C-alpha atoms as a PDB file:
ATOM      1  CA  MET A   1      17.483-173.042 -33.881  1.00  0.00           C
ATOM      2  CA  ASP A   2      18.079-170.746 -30.361  1.00  0.00           C
ATOM      3  CA  LEU A   3      15.606-172.164 -27.934  1.00  0.00           C
ATOM      4  CA  TYR A   4      16.669-176.400 -29.132  1.00  0.00           C
ATOM      5  CA  GLU A   5      20.921-174.828 -28.151  1.00  0.00           C
ATOM      6  CA  ASP A   6      19.365-172.875 -25.135  1.00  0.00           C
ATOM      7  CA  MET A   7      17.598-176.852 -23.685  1.00  0.00           C
ATOM      8  CA  LYS A   8      20.569-179.028 -24.794  1.00  0.00           C
ATOM      9  CA  ALA A   9      22.656-176.156 -21.835  1.00  0.00           C
ATOM     10  CA  SER A  10      20.092-176.357 -19.138  1.00  0.00           C
ATOM     11  CA  PRO A  11      17.750-178.984 -20.462  1.00  0.00           C
ATOM     12  CA  SER A  12      16.300-178.954 -16.023  1.00  0.00           C
ATOM     13  CA  LYS A  13      14.702-175.785 -17.009  1.00  0.00           C
ATOM     14  CA  ALA A  14      12.428-177.148 -19.440  1.00  0.00           C
ATOM     15  CA  ASN A  15       8.772-179.200 -18.777  1.00  0.00           C
ATOM     16  CA  ALA A  16       6.970-180.930 -21.347  1.00  0.00           C
ATOM     17  CA  ILE A  17       5.384-178.128 -22.976  1.00  0.00           C
ATOM     18  CA  THR A  18       8.953-175.909 -23.852  1.00  0.00           C
ATOM     19  CA  TYR A  19       9.899-179.806 -25.167  1.00  0.00           C
ATOM     20  CA  SER A  20       6.792-180.206 -27.210  1.00  0.00           C
ATOM     21  CA  THR A  21       7.117-176.622 -29.467  1.00  0.00           C
ATOM     22  CA  LEU A  22      10.974-177.576 -29.787  1.00  0.00           C
ATOM     23  CA  ILE A  23       9.739-181.430 -31.060  1.00  0.00           C
ATOM     24  CA  ASN A  24       6.938-179.752 -33.171  1.00  0.00           C
ATOM     25  CA  ALA A  25       9.404-176.812 -34.177  1.00  0.00           C
ATOM     26  CA  LEU A  26      12.233-179.241 -35.526  1.00  0.00           C
ATOM     27  CA  THR A  27       9.117-181.493 -36.803  1.00  0.00           C
ATOM     28  CA  GLU A  28       8.648-178.047 -39.510  1.00  0.00           C
ATOM     29  CA  GLY A  29      11.779-177.135 -40.604  1.00  0.00           C
ATOM     30  CA  GLY A  30      12.782-180.295 -41.597  1.00  0.00           C
ATOM     31  CA  ARG A  31      15.247-181.816 -38.652  1.00  0.00           C
ATOM     32  CA  TRP A  32      12.175-184.965 -37.491  1.00  0.00           C
ATOM     33  CA  GLU A  33      15.576-186.768 -37.160  1.00  0.00           C
ATOM     34  CA  GLN A  34      16.688-184.297 -34.571  1.00  0.00           C
ATOM     35  CA  ALA A  35      13.061-184.362 -33.072  1.00  0.00           C
ATOM     36  CA  ILE A  36      13.013-187.650 -32.560  1.00  0.00           C
ATOM     37  CA  GLU A  37      16.325-188.025 -30.648  1.00  0.00           C
ATOM     38  CA  VAL A  38      14.619-184.553 -27.974  1.00  0.00           C
ATOM     39  CA  PHE A  39      12.236-187.290 -27.313  1.00  0.00           C
ATOM     40  CA  LYS A  40      14.640-189.717 -26.150  1.00  0.00           C
ATOM     41  CA  THR A  41      17.076-187.433 -24.632  1.00  0.00           C
ATOM     42  CA  ILE A  42      14.073-187.145 -22.493  1.00  0.00           C
ATOM     43  CA  VAL A  43      13.197-190.337 -22.588  1.00  0.00           C
ATOM     44  CA  LEU A  44      17.093-191.654 -21.672  1.00  0.00           C
ATOM     45  CA  GLN A  45      18.004-188.898 -18.753  1.00  0.00           C
ATOM     46  CA  ASP A  46      14.432-188.642 -17.402  1.00  0.00           C
ATOM     47  CA  LEU A  47      13.962-185.358 -17.938  1.00  0.00           C
ATOM     48  CA  VAL A  48       9.882-184.644 -17.657  1.00  0.00           C
ATOM     49  CA  VAL A  49       6.724-187.050 -17.563  1.00  0.00           C
ATOM     50  CA  PRO A  50       5.970-187.083 -21.145  1.00  0.00           C
ATOM     51  CA  ASP A  51       2.310-186.346 -21.431  1.00  0.00           C
ATOM     52  CA  MET A  52      -0.917-186.697 -24.737  1.00  0.00           C
ATOM     53  CA  PRO A  53       1.030-183.182 -26.642  1.00  0.00           C
ATOM     54  CA  LEU A  54       4.417-184.334 -26.210  1.00  0.00           C
ATOM     55  CA  PHE A  55       3.613-187.433 -27.128  1.00  0.00           C
ATOM     56  CA  GLY A  56       1.444-185.551 -30.545  1.00  0.00           C
ATOM     57  CA  ALA A  57       4.076-183.986 -30.794  1.00  0.00           C
ATOM     58  CA  VAL A  58       6.906-186.958 -31.289  1.00  0.00           C
ATOM     59  CA  MET A  59       4.595-189.187 -33.168  1.00  0.00           C
ATOM     60  CA  LYS A  60       4.277-186.093 -35.974  1.00  0.00           C
ATOM     61  CA  ALA A  61       7.604-186.322 -36.075  1.00  0.00           C
ATOM     62  CA  CYS A  62       7.246-190.261 -36.599  1.00  0.00           C
ATOM     63  CA  ALA A  63       5.356-189.357 -39.671  1.00  0.00           C
ATOM     64  CA  GLU A  64       7.725-186.914 -41.615  1.00  0.00           C
ATOM     65  CA  GLY A  65       9.934-189.167 -41.488  1.00  0.00           C
ATOM     66  CA  GLY A  66       7.637-192.252 -42.154  1.00  0.00           C
ATOM     67  CA  GLN A  67       9.213-193.676 -38.936  1.00  0.00           C
ATOM     68  CA  TRP A  68       6.394-196.028 -38.259  1.00  0.00           C
ATOM     69  CA  ARG A  69       7.790-198.798 -36.061  1.00  0.00           C
ATOM     70  CA  MET A  70       8.718-196.294 -33.571  1.00  0.00           C
ATOM     71  CA  GLY A  71       5.028-195.066 -33.129  1.00  0.00           C
ATOM     72  CA  ASN A  72       3.386-198.022 -32.944  1.00  0.00           C
ATOM     73  CA  THR A  73       6.049-198.347 -29.796  1.00  0.00           C
ATOM     74  CA  LEU A  74       4.507-195.393 -28.329  1.00  0.00           C
ATOM     75  CA  ILE A  75       1.057-196.541 -28.997  1.00  0.00           C
ATOM     76  CA  ASP A  76       2.340-199.226 -26.921  1.00  0.00           C
ATOM     77  CA  ASP A  77       3.592-197.190 -23.813  1.00  0.00           C
ATOM     78  CA  LEU A  78       0.609-194.758 -24.021  1.00  0.00           C
ATOM     79  CA  LYS A  79      -1.649-198.044 -23.600  1.00  0.00           C
ATOM     80  CA  GLU A  80       0.626-199.988 -20.920  1.00  0.00           C
ATOM     81  CA  ALA A  81       0.726-197.058 -19.462  1.00  0.00           C
ATOM     82  CA  GLY A  82      -2.556-196.773 -18.395  1.00  0.00           C
ATOM     83  CA  LEU A  83      -3.604-193.779 -20.983  1.00  0.00           C
ATOM     84  CA  GLN A  84      -5.471-193.686 -24.674  1.00  0.00           C
ATOM     85  CA  PRO A  85      -3.796-193.219 -27.606  1.00  0.00           C
ATOM     86  CA  ASN A  86      -6.568-190.333 -29.667  1.00  0.00           C
ATOM     87  CA  THR A  87      -7.385-190.079 -32.902  1.00  0.00           C
ATOM     88  CA  ARG A  88      -4.074-187.559 -33.869  1.00  0.00           C
ATOM     89  CA  LEU A  89      -2.033-190.672 -32.511  1.00  0.00           C
ATOM     90  CA  TYR A  90      -3.307-192.634 -35.350  1.00  0.00           C
ATOM     91  CA  ASN A  91      -3.449-190.393 -37.686  1.00  0.00           C
ATOM     92  CA  SER A  92       0.511-189.526 -37.351  1.00  0.00           C
ATOM     93  CA  LEU A  93       0.633-193.231 -37.231  1.00  0.00           C
ATOM     94  CA  LEU A  94      -1.268-194.188 -40.363  1.00  0.00           C
ATOM     95  CA  LEU A  95       1.395-191.301 -42.335  1.00  0.00           C
ATOM     96  CA  ALA A  96       4.171-192.758 -40.734  1.00  0.00           C
ATOM     97  CA  TYR A  97       2.945-196.291 -42.863  1.00  0.00           C
ATOM     98  CA  ARG A  98       2.751-194.353 -46.490  1.00  0.00           C
ATOM     99  CA  LYS A  99       6.634-193.744 -46.386  1.00  0.00           C
ATOM    100  CA  ASP A 100       6.653-197.596 -47.220  1.00  0.00           C
ATOM    101  CA  GLY A 101       3.089-197.984 -48.582  1.00  0.00           C
ATOM    102  CA  LEU A 102       2.547-200.419 -45.640  1.00  0.00           C
ATOM    103  CA  VAL A 103      -0.905-201.159 -46.471  1.00  0.00           C
ATOM    104  CA  GLU A 104      -1.541-204.895 -44.455  1.00  0.00           C
ATOM    105  CA  GLN A 105      -0.111-203.008 -41.285  1.00  0.00           C
ATOM    106  CA  ALA A 106      -2.114-199.459 -42.084  1.00  0.00           C
ATOM    107  CA  MET A 107      -5.500-201.663 -42.212  1.00  0.00           C
ATOM    108  CA  GLN A 108      -4.995-203.125 -38.825  1.00  0.00           C
ATOM    109  CA  THR A 109      -4.256-200.588 -37.636  1.00  0.00           C
ATOM    110  CA  PHE A 110      -7.131-198.763 -38.198  1.00  0.00           C
ATOM    111  CA  GLU A 111      -9.744-201.548 -37.911  1.00  0.00           C
ATOM    112  CA  SER A 112      -7.719-202.114 -34.644  1.00  0.00           C
ATOM    113  CA  MET A 113      -8.753-198.569 -33.634  1.00  0.00           C
ATOM    114  CA  TYR A 114     -12.830-198.967 -33.321  1.00  0.00           C
ATOM    115  CA  PRO A 115     -14.206-199.081 -30.895  1.00  0.00           C
ATOM    116  CA  ASP A 116     -12.299-197.315 -28.950  1.00  0.00           C
ATOM    117  CA  VAL A 117     -11.126-194.339 -31.017  1.00  0.00           C
ATOM    118  CA  PRO A 118     -13.058-192.393 -33.591  1.00  0.00           C
ATOM    119  CA  TYR A 119     -11.922-191.661 -37.148  1.00  0.00           C
ATOM    120  CA  ASP A 120     -12.404-188.521 -38.024  1.00  0.00           C
ATOM    121  CA  LEU A 121     -12.042-187.384 -42.309  1.00  0.00           C
ATOM    122  CA  GLN A 122      -8.431-187.350 -41.853  1.00  0.00           C
ATOM    123  CA  THR A 123      -8.376-190.632 -40.459  1.00  0.00           C
ATOM    124  CA  PHE A 124      -9.516-192.082 -43.632  1.00  0.00           C
ATOM    125  CA  ASN A 125      -7.908-189.773 -46.197  1.00  0.00           C
ATOM    126  CA  ASN A 126      -4.327-190.620 -44.355  1.00  0.00           C
ATOM    127  CA  LEU A 127      -5.183-194.475 -44.876  1.00  0.00           C
ATOM    128  CA  ILE A 128      -6.296-193.693 -48.511  1.00  0.00           C
ATOM    129  CA  SER A 129      -2.496-192.080 -48.661  1.00  0.00           C
ATOM    130  CA  VAL A 130      -1.423-194.942 -48.130  1.00  0.00           C
ATOM    131  CA  GLY A 131      -3.218-196.328 -50.663  1.00  0.00           C
ATOM    132  CA  GLU A 132      -2.210-193.966 -53.049  1.00  0.00           C
ATOM    133  CA  ALA A 133       2.226-194.447 -52.673  1.00  0.00           C
ATOM    134  CA  ALA A 134       1.616-198.377 -52.779  1.00  0.00           C
ATOM    135  CA  GLY A 135      -0.279-197.546 -55.448  1.00  0.00           C
ATOM    136  CA  ASN A 136      -2.966-199.829 -53.786  1.00  0.00           C
ATOM    137  CA  TRP A 137      -5.948-198.596 -55.878  1.00  0.00           C
ATOM    138  CA  LYS A 138      -7.990-201.058 -55.043  1.00  0.00           C
ATOM    139  CA  MET A 139      -7.938-201.064 -50.980  1.00  0.00           C
ATOM    140  CA  ALA A 140      -8.016-196.836 -51.486  1.00  0.00           C
ATOM    141  CA  LEU A 141     -10.996-197.339 -53.905  1.00  0.00           C
ATOM    142  CA  GLU A 142     -12.876-199.034 -50.843  1.00  0.00           C
ATOM    143  CA  ILE A 143     -12.476-196.642 -48.568  1.00  0.00           C
ATOM    144  CA  VAL A 144     -13.853-194.091 -50.793  1.00  0.00           C
ATOM    145  CA  ILE A 145     -16.986-195.982 -52.065  1.00  0.00           C
ATOM    146  CA  ARG A 146     -16.697-196.333 -47.805  1.00  0.00           C
ATOM    147  CA  LEU A 147     -16.652-192.891 -47.075  1.00  0.00           C
ATOM    148  CA  GLU A 148     -19.664-192.748 -49.519  1.00  0.00           C
ATOM    149  CA  LYS A 149     -21.921-194.786 -47.963  1.00  0.00           C
ATOM    150  CA  GLY A 150     -20.952-193.022 -44.965  1.00  0.00           C
ATOM    151  CA  THR A 151     -23.546-190.276 -43.635  1.00  0.00           C
ATOM    152  CA  GLN A 152     -21.523-188.290 -41.665  1.00  0.00           C
ATOM    153  CA  LEU A 153     -18.123-188.140 -43.553  1.00  0.00           C
ATOM    154  CA  LYS A 154     -17.968-187.576 -46.377  1.00  0.00           C
ATOM    155  CA  PRO A 155     -14.875-188.291 -49.309  1.00  0.00           C
ATOM    156  CA  THR A 156     -13.667-184.832 -49.854  1.00  0.00           C
ATOM    157  CA  ALA A 157     -11.338-183.520 -52.499  1.00  0.00           C
ATOM    158  CA  GLU A 158      -8.230-184.646 -51.241  1.00  0.00           C
ATOM    159  CA  SER A 159     -10.112-188.289 -50.415  1.00  0.00           C
ATOM    160  CA  TYR A 160     -10.570-188.818 -54.311  1.00  0.00           C
ATOM    161  CA  GLU A 161      -7.242-187.424 -55.577  1.00  0.00           C
ATOM    162  CA  SER A 162      -5.093-189.621 -53.534  1.00  0.00           C
ATOM    163  CA  LEU A 163      -7.341-192.124 -55.137  1.00  0.00           C
ATOM    164  CA  MET A 164      -6.815-190.885 -58.791  1.00  0.00           C
ATOM    165  CA  GLY A 165      -3.043-190.866 -57.111  1.00  0.00           C
ATOM    166  CA  ALA A 166      -3.448-194.602 -56.425  1.00  0.00           C
ATOM    167  CA  MET A 167      -4.607-195.817 -60.289  1.00  0.00           C
ATOM    168  CA  ILE A 168      -1.870-193.629 -61.459  1.00  0.00           C
ATOM    169  CA  ARG A 169       0.822-194.968 -59.815  1.00  0.00           C
ATOM    170  CA  ALA A 170      -0.358-198.673 -61.140  1.00  0.00           C
ATOM    171  CA  GLY A 171      -0.612-197.518 -64.600  1.00  0.00           C
ATOM    172  CA  GLU A 172      -4.129-197.556 -64.524  1.00  0.00           C
ATOM    173  CA  TRP A 173      -4.962-193.723 -65.476  1.00  0.00           C
ATOM    174  CA  GLN A 174      -7.735-194.625 -67.467  1.00  0.00           C
ATOM    175  CA  LYS A 175      -9.197-195.052 -64.026  1.00  0.00           C
ATOM    176  CA  ALA A 176      -8.476-192.416 -62.361  1.00  0.00           C
ATOM    177  CA  VAL A 177      -9.989-189.978 -65.973  1.00  0.00           C
ATOM    178  CA  ALA A 178     -13.055-192.254 -65.015  1.00  0.00           C
ATOM    179  CA  VAL A 179     -12.756-191.226 -60.783  1.00  0.00           C
ATOM    180  CA  TYR A 180     -12.215-187.840 -62.402  1.00  0.00           C
ATOM    181  CA  GLU A 181     -14.979-186.949 -64.414  1.00  0.00           C
ATOM    182  CA  ASN A 182     -17.569-189.057 -61.940  1.00  0.00           C
ATOM    183  CA  VAL A 183     -16.517-186.118 -59.581  1.00  0.00           C
ATOM    184  CA  ARG A 184     -16.800-183.078 -62.011  1.00  0.00           C
ATOM    185  CA  LYS A 185     -20.064-184.883 -63.453  1.00  0.00           C
ATOM    186  CA  LYS A 186     -22.132-185.605 -59.844  1.00  0.00           C
ATOM    187  CA  ARG A 187     -20.316-182.405 -58.591  1.00  0.00           C
ATOM    188  CA  LEU A 188     -18.964-185.145 -55.083  1.00  0.00           C
ATOM    189  CA  VAL A 189     -16.997-182.155 -54.340  1.00  0.00           C
ATOM    190  CA  LYS A 190     -18.070-177.737 -54.196  1.00  0.00           C
ATOM    191  CA  VAL A 191     -16.382-176.539 -57.416  1.00  0.00           C
ATOM    192  CA  ALA A 192     -15.242-173.868 -54.702  1.00  0.00           C
ATOM    193  CA  ASP A 193     -13.021-177.119 -53.493  1.00  0.00           C
ATOM    194  CA  MET A 194     -12.279-178.339 -56.287  1.00  0.00           C
ATOM    195  CA  VAL A 195      -8.793-177.666 -57.003  1.00  0.00           C
ATOM    196  CA  PRO A 196      -6.775-181.129 -56.226  1.00  0.00           C
ATOM    197  CA  VAL A 197      -9.959-183.556 -58.298  1.00  0.00           C
ATOM    198  CA  PHE A 198      -8.509-181.441 -61.334  1.00  0.00           C
ATOM    199  CA  ARG A 199      -4.830-181.686 -60.440  1.00  0.00           C
ATOM    200  CA  GLY A 200      -5.682-184.907 -59.994  1.00  0.00           C
ATOM    201  CA  GLY A 201      -7.481-185.331 -63.204  1.00  0.00           C
ATOM    202  CA  ILE A 202      -4.674-183.246 -65.006  1.00  0.00           C
ATOM    203  CA  ALA A 203      -1.871-185.353 -63.627  1.00  0.00           C
ATOM    204  CA  ALA A 204      -4.253-188.777 -64.898  1.00  0.00           C
ATOM    205  CA  HIS A 205      -4.423-187.295 -68.792  1.00  0.00           C
ATOM    206  CA  ALA A 206      -1.184-186.113 -68.104  1.00  0.00           C
ATOM    207  CA  ALA A 207       0.056-190.133 -67.244  1.00  0.00           C
ATOM    208  CA  GLY A 208      -1.368-190.825 -70.441  1.00  0.00           C
ATOM    209  CA  GLY A 209       0.078-189.084 -72.566  1.00  0.00           C
ATOM    210  CA  GLN A 210      -3.075-187.129 -72.927  1.00  0.00           C
ATOM    211  CA  ALA A 211      -1.530-183.506 -73.066  1.00  0.00           C
ATOM    212  CA  THR A 212      -4.195-181.194 -74.910  1.00  0.00           C
ATOM    213  CA  GLU A 213      -6.746-183.435 -72.451  1.00  0.00           C
ATOM    214  CA  ALA A 214      -4.847-182.271 -69.929  1.00  0.00           C
ATOM    215  CA  LEU A 215      -4.377-178.121 -71.110  1.00  0.00           C
ATOM    216  CA  THR A 216      -8.354-178.974 -71.263  1.00  0.00           C
ATOM    217  CA  VAL A 217      -9.418-179.641 -67.572  1.00  0.00           C
ATOM    218  CA  PHE A 218      -6.612-177.058 -66.882  1.00  0.00           C
ATOM    219  CA  LYS A 219      -8.532-174.824 -68.908  1.00  0.00           C
ATOM    220  CA  GLU A 220     -11.485-175.518 -67.052  1.00  0.00           C
ATOM    221  CA  LEU A 221     -10.224-174.553 -63.919  1.00  0.00           C
ATOM    222  CA  LEU A 222      -9.468-171.190 -64.746  1.00  0.00           C
ATOM    223  CA  GLU A 223     -12.753-170.516 -66.314  1.00  0.00           C
ATOM    224  CA  LEU A 224     -14.104-171.903 -62.737  1.00  0.00           C
ATOM    225  CA  GLY A 225     -12.062-168.920 -61.357  1.00  0.00           C
ATOM    226  CA  LEU A 226      -9.704-171.747 -59.066  1.00  0.00           C
ATOM    227  CA  GLN A 227      -6.075-170.837 -59.189  1.00  0.00           C
ATOM    228  CA  ALA A 228      -3.716-173.222 -60.596  1.00  0.00           C
ATOM    229  CA  ASP A 229      -0.035-173.858 -58.963  1.00  0.00           C
ATOM    230  CA  LEU A 230       2.721-175.059 -59.986  1.00  0.00           C
ATOM    231  CA  GLU A 231       2.848-178.295 -59.599  1.00  0.00           C
ATOM    232  CA  MET A 232       0.071-178.752 -62.286  1.00  0.00           C
ATOM    233  CA  TYR A 233       2.188-176.676 -64.573  1.00  0.00           C
ATOM    234  CA  THR A 234       5.008-179.183 -64.099  1.00  0.00           C
ATOM    235  CA  THR A 235       3.017-181.937 -64.714  1.00  0.00           C
ATOM    236  CA  LEU A 236       1.210-180.194 -68.087  1.00  0.00           C
ATOM    237  CA  LEU A 237       4.566-179.339 -69.294  1.00  0.00           C
ATOM    238  CA  ARG A 238       5.958-183.601 -68.546  1.00  0.00           C
ATOM    239  CA  ALA A 239       2.659-183.978 -70.341  1.00  0.00           C
ATOM    240  CA  CYS A 240       3.823-182.392 -73.126  1.00  0.00           C
ATOM    241  CA  GLY A 241       7.429-183.445 -72.905  1.00  0.00           C
ATOM    242  CA  THR A 242       5.283-187.194 -72.993  1.00  0.00           C
ATOM    243  CA  SER A 243       2.620-186.100 -76.736  1.00  0.00           C
ATOM    244  CA  GLY A 244       5.260-183.944 -77.944  1.00  0.00           C
ATOM    245  CA  GLU A 245       3.124-181.208 -78.614  1.00  0.00           C
ATOM    246  CA  LEU A 246       5.848-178.253 -78.165  1.00  0.00           C
ATOM    247  CA  GLY A 247       3.153-175.557 -78.980  1.00  0.00           C
ATOM    248  CA  ILE A 248       0.843-175.780 -75.895  1.00  0.00           C
ATOM    249  CA  ALA A 249       4.110-176.266 -74.046  1.00  0.00           C
ATOM    250  CA  LEU A 250       5.129-172.857 -75.211  1.00  0.00           C
ATOM    251  CA  GLU A 251       1.569-171.648 -73.879  1.00  0.00           C
ATOM    252  CA  VAL A 252       1.575-173.310 -70.565  1.00  0.00           C
ATOM    253  CA  PHE A 253       4.911-171.851 -69.822  1.00  0.00           C
ATOM    254  CA  ALA A 254       4.219-167.751 -70.452  1.00  0.00           C
ATOM    255  CA  ASP A 255       0.795-168.634 -68.474  1.00  0.00           C
ATOM    256  CA  MET A 256       2.499-170.001 -65.906  1.00  0.00           C
ATOM    257  CA  LYS A 257       4.776-166.900 -66.012  1.00  0.00           C
ATOM    258  CA  TYR A 258       1.840-164.630 -66.210  1.00  0.00           C
ATOM    259  CA  SER A 259       0.278-165.670 -63.364  1.00  0.00           C
ATOM    260  CA  GLY A 260       2.774-165.227 -61.173  1.00  0.00           C
ATOM    261  CA  LEU A 261       4.224-168.201 -60.807  1.00  0.00           C
ATOM    262  CA  SER A 262       8.256-169.073 -60.394  1.00  0.00           C
ATOM    263  CA  PRO A 263       9.420-171.932 -62.333  1.00  0.00           C
ATOM    264  CA  SER A 264      10.529-174.760 -60.166  1.00  0.00           C
ATOM    265  CA  PRO A 265      13.829-177.105 -61.139  1.00  0.00           C
ATOM    266  CA  GLU A 266      11.331-179.697 -62.220  1.00  0.00           C
ATOM    267  CA  THR A 267       9.424-176.464 -64.027  1.00  0.00           C
ATOM    268  CA  PHE A 268      11.937-175.843 -65.669  1.00  0.00           C
ATOM    269  CA  GLY A 269      13.151-179.445 -66.936  1.00  0.00           C
ATOM    270  CA  ALA A 270      10.126-180.125 -68.038  1.00  0.00           C
ATOM    271  CA  LEU A 271      10.379-177.224 -71.021  1.00  0.00           C
ATOM    272  CA  ILE A 272      13.920-177.633 -71.673  1.00  0.00           C
ATOM    273  CA  SER A 273      12.847-181.482 -72.276  1.00  0.00           C
ATOM    274  CA  VAL A 274      10.124-180.586 -74.630  1.00  0.00           C
ATOM    275  CA  LEU A 275      11.858-177.857 -76.288  1.00  0.00           C
ATOM    276  CA  ILE A 276      14.958-180.835 -76.912  1.00  0.00           C
ATOM    277  CA  ASN A 277      12.606-183.475 -78.045  1.00  0.00           C
ATOM    278  CA  GLY A 278      11.695-180.641 -80.479  1.00  0.00           C
ATOM    279  CA  ARG A 279      15.279-179.835 -82.070  1.00  0.00           C
ATOM    280  CA  ARG A 280      14.624-176.497 -80.008  1.00  0.00           C
ATOM    281  CA  MET A 281      18.073-176.338 -78.762  1.00  0.00           C
ATOM    282  CA  ALA A 282      19.052-172.496 -78.871  1.00  0.00           C
ATOM    283  CA  ASP A 283      15.691-172.289 -76.420  1.00  0.00           C
ATOM    284  CA  ALA A 284      16.590-175.566 -75.286  1.00  0.00           C
ATOM    285  CA  TRP A 285      19.603-173.426 -73.787  1.00  0.00           C
ATOM    286  CA  SER A 286      18.484-170.014 -73.539  1.00  0.00           C
ATOM    287  CA  GLN A 287      15.783-171.190 -70.943  1.00  0.00           C
ATOM    288  CA  TYR A 288      18.503-173.166 -68.790  1.00  0.00           C
ATOM    289  CA  GLU A 289      20.722-169.703 -68.157  1.00  0.00           C
ATOM    290  CA  ALA A 290      17.009-168.319 -67.595  1.00  0.00           C
ATOM    291  CA  MET A 291      17.389-170.641 -64.697  1.00  0.00           C
ATOM    292  CA  LEU A 292      20.634-170.073 -63.354  1.00  0.00           C
ATOM    293  CA  ASP A 293      20.268-166.222 -63.312  1.00  0.00           C
ATOM    294  CA  ALA A 294      16.685-166.760 -61.643  1.00  0.00           C
ATOM    295  CA  GLY A 295      19.447-168.486 -58.956  1.00  0.00           C
ATOM    296  CA  VAL A 296      17.182-172.276 -59.747  1.00  0.00           C
ATOM    297  CA  THR A 297      19.408-175.339 -58.920  1.00  0.00           C
ATOM    298  CA  PRO A 298      19.021-177.499 -62.105  1.00  0.00           C
ATOM    299  CA  GLN A 299      18.153-181.200 -61.929  1.00  0.00           C
ATOM    300  CA  THR A 300      21.349-183.912 -62.452  1.00  0.00           C
ATOM    301  CA  ASP A 301      18.530-185.029 -65.377  1.00  0.00           C
ATOM    302  CA  THR A 302      18.433-181.732 -66.635  1.00  0.00           C
ATOM    303  CA  LEU A 303      21.629-181.378 -67.523  1.00  0.00           C
ATOM    304  CA  LYS A 304      22.643-184.715 -68.471  1.00  0.00           C
ATOM    305  CA  ALA A 305      19.559-184.075 -71.201  1.00  0.00           C
ATOM    306  CA  LEU A 306      20.957-180.964 -72.126  1.00  0.00           C
ATOM    307  CA  LEU A 307      24.587-182.201 -72.554  1.00  0.00           C
ATOM    308  CA  ALA A 308      23.320-185.252 -74.754  1.00  0.00           C
ATOM    309  CA  GLY A 309      20.850-182.718 -76.904  1.00  0.00           C
ATOM    310  CA  LEU A 310      24.028-180.764 -77.652  1.00  0.00           C
ATOM    311  CA  SER A 311      26.190-183.300 -78.463  1.00  0.00           C
ATOM    312  CA  VAL A 312      24.212-184.952 -81.485  1.00  0.00           C
ATOM    313  CA  GLU A 313      24.004-181.240 -82.577  1.00  0.00           C
ATOM    314  CA  GLY A 314      28.001-180.429 -82.535  1.00  0.00           C
ATOM    315  CA  GLY A 315      29.581-177.310 -82.410  1.00  0.00           C
ATOM    316  CA  GLN A 316      28.734-177.102 -78.721  1.00  0.00           C
ATOM    317  CA  ALA A 317      32.292-178.101 -77.028  1.00  0.00           C
ATOM    318  CA  GLU A 318      32.468-174.897 -74.952  1.00  0.00           C
ATOM    319  CA  ARG A 319      28.489-175.405 -73.522  1.00  0.00           C
ATOM    320  CA  VAL A 320      29.487-179.016 -73.376  1.00  0.00           C
ATOM    321  CA  ARG A 321      32.548-178.834 -70.862  1.00  0.00           C
ATOM    322  CA  GLN A 322      30.430-176.185 -68.857  1.00  0.00           C
ATOM    323  CA  LEU A 323      27.562-178.993 -68.695  1.00  0.00           C
ATOM    324  CA  GLN A 324      30.137-181.177 -67.843  1.00  0.00           C
ATOM    325  CA  LEU A 325      31.258-179.831 -64.733  1.00  0.00           C
ATOM    326  CA  GLN A 326      28.497-178.869 -63.477  1.00  0.00           C
ATOM    327  CA  ILE A 327      27.377-182.427 -63.220  1.00  0.00           C
ATOM    328  CA  GLU A 328      30.840-183.870 -62.448  1.00  0.00           C
END
């Protein structure tokens, strides 16, 4: 990154704005650790006086990396300096808790905001996402109900998707299905915004091994003129693998290709798994070759599944050796 190298060479030429820009760019590029190191260098060398945008930038890096301890320290530093952390900073701190699923700490931070720092919808959604990461569906449900009873802020499609995700993670996929049905029947979210809700409904049925029901939800989404994403297709294929629905899997994969989406390693892996389970090793190998031709790197689990399938089938020594070399 040219800006990063230039600022390392001549740090005195930078100001708070350029450092904020750099830290944000590093975080957005997946280099949150470097972003935090830049901030630490600023503080240690007293290069600039950090302002609120600079604190906001490094808090985003903390959120991306799950660095909640540093996030708390930054909040405390601001308060000690007589500055009031704003909603965006607290929202980033809540996201930092998500990586470790720290529900109790997230709730304490949430409650500490009142009455000095106003909540916004992102505050609630970030808090629900912590519950999702922890599989704490009761906490997530409590926050959603709190929003539903409110007069100004209401749950979004993302709120309900995170709630369903928390239930699925906790093994309560039936409850997630019930949430999906409730949102759909009561029209709690506008049709145009329903994609995350449908995604959650598909995931809920898939978690229960209900490939046919998941496909029904998927088709309803398409009938409403909404756009399916790659995650939905991959989830459907995994559901087919669990329930042994080879025909549905082939239909789903063909539809995905027709829609113009490119399969990911997870998507190819899910289809290959269904084919192996259906004793279609020739087709599974063809998809593996198509994967390589598309420049997609197979996951280790996919390679191992192919290896196991070929070993059972027998007479595939060359292909077995090829897979063994890749796994090594």
